[in-house]
Amino acid sequence: MMNAALNDELFFSIANHTLTVVDVDAIYVKPFKTETILITPGQTTNLLLKAKPHFPNATFLIAGRPYATGQGTFDNSTVVGILQYEQPPKSPFKNLPLFKPTLPSLNDTSFAANFTCKLRCLANTWFLANVPQKVDKRFFFTIGPRTNPCPKNQTC
């Protein structure tokens, strides 16, 4: 999965399913299970989806929406898709119930902090983590996205 948003961190979840995070930005992490992930702009995350072993007689909403804590203009809408299992032949089910995930609130910093704290290095005797011990360069980055808010009671 990749977050192609320019500025938005995104919550992502699939109703009634468990995701296992195994890799972030091409680095293996200590795997952990979660029902919702937080993915930052440009970040890639490899997930394992635990599928239902049998036809579940339901469909499941896949949802994503921004996480934001500051002031500013941004699109706070929720995007959705549907996960639908293949029905067995001659299945009597036509109008399957749709389950919806529960995403964290738009500004749920507690969820964001708890999720981030679960990201751990996979360092052990087989996967060594060679971390530089000496800092020889210092960088300072600043980014200022330009926003163009819509006039009141108008669309842009």
Protein backbone atom coordinates (compact mmCIF):
# COMPACT_ATOMS: atom_id res chain seq x y z
CA MET A 1 0.00 0.00 0.00
CA MET A 2 1.20 3.52 -0.73
CA ASN A 3 -0.14 6.85 0.45
CA ALA A 4 -0.04 9.04 -2.67
CA ALA A 5 -1.55 12.06 -0.88
CA LEU A 6 0.56 15.19 -0.93
CA ASN A 7 0.02 16.36 2.64
CA ASP A 8 -2.39 14.02 4.42
CA GLU A 9 -1.63 11.21 6.77
CA LEU A 10 -4.40 8.66 6.31
CA PHE A 11 -6.21 6.15 8.48
CA PHE A 12 -7.06 2.92 6.60
CA SER A 13 -9.22 -0.02 7.65
CA ILE A 14 -11.22 -2.94 6.27
CA ALA A 15 -14.35 -3.78 8.27
CA ASN A 16 -14.16 -6.99 10.35
CA HIS A 17 -10.65 -7.84 9.11
CA THR A 18 -7.23 -7.89 10.70
CA LEU A 19 -4.16 -6.43 9.01
CA THR A 20 -0.61 -7.44 9.87
CA VAL A 21 2.02 -4.77 9.26
CA VAL A 22 5.28 -6.43 8.07
CA ASP A 23 7.18 -3.69 6.23
CA VAL A 24 7.32 0.10 6.17
CA ASP A 25 9.19 1.96 3.42
CA ALA A 26 11.01 -1.20 2.25
CA ILE A 27 12.24 -2.04 5.76
CA TYR A 28 10.95 -5.13 7.52
CA VAL A 29 9.44 -4.35 10.90
CA LYS A 30 8.51 -6.59 13.78
CA PRO A 31 5.06 -7.79 12.57
CA PHE A 32 2.02 -6.62 14.51
CA LYS A 33 -1.71 -6.99 14.03
CA THR A 34 -4.13 -4.10 13.83
CA GLU A 35 -7.56 -3.27 12.48
CA THR A 36 -6.54 0.24 11.37
CA ILE A 37 -3.26 1.63 10.08
CA LEU A 38 -1.89 5.15 9.80
CA ILE A 39 0.15 5.84 6.65
CA THR A 40 1.99 9.08 5.96
CA PRO A 41 2.39 10.90 2.60
CA GLY A 42 4.64 8.97 0.23
CA GLN A 43 4.99 6.09 2.68
CA THR A 44 4.71 2.49 1.58
CA THR A 45 3.48 -0.25 3.89
CA ASN A 46 3.24 -3.96 3.21
CA LEU A 47 0.28 -5.57 4.91
CA LEU A 48 -1.01 -9.09 5.23
CA LEU A 49 -4.79 -9.34 5.12
CA LYS A 50 -6.33 -12.16 7.14
CA ALA A 51 -9.19 -13.29 4.90
CA LYS A 52 -12.21 -15.24 6.10
CA PRO A 53 -11.76 -19.02 5.65
CA HIS A 54 -15.32 -19.49 4.38
CA PHE A 55 -17.81 -17.34 2.50
CA PRO A 56 -18.86 -14.82 5.17
CA ASN A 57 -22.35 -13.99 3.82
CA ALA A 58 -21.43 -10.30 3.89
CA THR A 59 -19.49 -7.57 2.12
CA PHE A 60 -16.99 -5.31 3.85
CA LEU A 61 -16.30 -1.62 3.43
CA ILE A 62 -12.68 -0.53 2.93
CA ALA A 63 -12.26 3.03 4.20
CA GLY A 64 -9.62 5.72 4.46
CA ARG A 65 -9.67 9.27 5.74
CA PRO A 66 -7.17 11.95 6.78
CA TYR A 67 -5.59 12.42 10.16
CA ALA A 68 -5.01 16.09 10.95
CA THR A 69 -4.36 18.10 14.08
CA GLY A 70 -3.68 21.61 12.82
CA GLN A 71 -5.64 24.41 11.31
CA GLY A 72 -5.87 24.70 7.56
CA THR A 73 -7.86 23.70 4.56
CA PHE A 74 -7.87 20.08 3.50
CA ASP A 75 -10.22 17.46 2.18
CA ASN A 76 -11.60 15.64 5.22
CA SER A 77 -13.82 13.26 3.28
CA THR A 78 -13.73 9.49 3.69
CA VAL A 79 -12.91 7.35 0.66
CA VAL A 80 -14.38 3.87 0.42
CA GLY A 81 -14.20 0.66 -1.55
CA ILE A 82 -15.79 -2.76 -1.08
CA LEU A 83 -14.19 -6.10 -0.28
CA GLN A 84 -16.48 -8.81 -1.60
CA TYR A 85 -15.76 -12.53 -1.39
CA GLU A 86 -16.64 -14.81 -4.27
CA GLN A 87 -19.98 -16.46 -3.61
CA PRO A 88 -20.26 -20.24 -3.81
CA PRO A 89 -22.10 -21.53 -6.90
CA LYS A 90 -25.89 -21.51 -6.55
CA SER A 91 -25.65 -19.31 -3.47
CA PRO A 92 -29.05 -18.12 -2.20
CA PHE A 93 -27.56 -14.85 -0.93
CA LYS A 94 -28.34 -11.77 -3.03
CA ASN A 95 -28.50 -8.73 -0.75
CA LEU A 96 -25.58 -9.27 1.57
CA PRO A 97 -25.16 -7.05 4.64
CA LEU A 98 -22.44 -4.40 4.41
CA PHE A 99 -20.13 -4.07 7.41
CA LYS A 100 -18.43 -0.71 7.99
CA PRO A 101 -15.09 -0.15 9.74
CA THR A 102 -14.74 2.21 12.65
CA LEU A 103 -12.01 4.70 11.81
CA PRO A 104 -10.35 6.90 14.44
CA SER A 105 -11.62 10.47 14.61
CA LEU A 106 -10.03 13.06 12.34
CA ASN A 107 -7.71 14.36 15.07
CA ASP A 108 -7.10 11.17 17.09
CA THR A 109 -3.51 11.84 18.16
CA SER A 110 -3.69 9.07 20.75
CA PHE A 111 -4.31 6.48 18.01
CA ALA A 112 -1.54 7.97 15.85
CA ALA A 113 0.98 7.85 18.72
CA ASN A 114 0.00 4.31 19.75
CA PHE A 115 0.21 3.06 16.16
CA THR A 116 3.61 4.65 15.62
CA CYS A 117 4.93 3.13 18.87
CA LYS A 118 4.17 -0.35 17.47
CA LEU A 119 6.68 0.12 14.64
CA ARG A 120 9.77 -1.76 15.78
CA CYS A 121 12.96 -2.81 14.04
CA LEU A 122 13.31 -6.46 13.10
CA ALA A 123 16.89 -6.41 14.39
CA ASN A 124 18.17 -9.70 15.74
CA THR A 125 21.10 -12.04 15.06
CA TRP A 126 19.78 -12.76 11.54
CA PHE A 127 18.75 -9.19 10.66
CA LEU A 128 21.39 -6.83 11.96
CA ALA A 129 20.55 -3.16 12.31
CA ASN A 130 23.72 -1.21 11.62
CA VAL A 131 22.85 2.22 12.95
CA PRO A 132 25.45 4.97 12.49
CA GLN A 133 26.90 6.00 15.84
CA LYS A 134 28.47 9.26 14.68
CA VAL A 135 26.50 12.15 13.17
CA ASP A 136 28.68 13.89 10.58
CA LYS A 137 26.08 15.99 8.74
CA ARG A 138 23.20 18.07 10.01
CA PHE A 139 20.21 19.07 7.91
CA PHE A 140 17.30 21.39 8.49
CA PHE A 141 14.23 20.97 6.27
CA THR A 142 11.19 23.18 6.09
CA ILE A 143 8.14 22.65 3.94
CA GLY A 144 5.34 25.15 3.48
CA PRO A 145 2.38 23.94 1.47
CA ARG A 146 0.53 26.79 -0.17
CA THR A 147 -3.21 26.69 0.36
CA ASN A 148 -5.83 28.64 -1.52
CA PRO A 149 -8.96 28.55 0.63
CA CYS A 150 -12.33 28.89 -1.08
CA PRO A 151 -14.29 32.07 -0.46
CA LYS A 152 -17.09 31.65 2.07
CA ASN A 153 -20.20 29.86 0.70
CA GLN A 154 -18.50 29.11 -2.66
CA THR A 155 -16.85 26.10 -4.22
CA CYS A 156 -13.44 26.01 -5.86
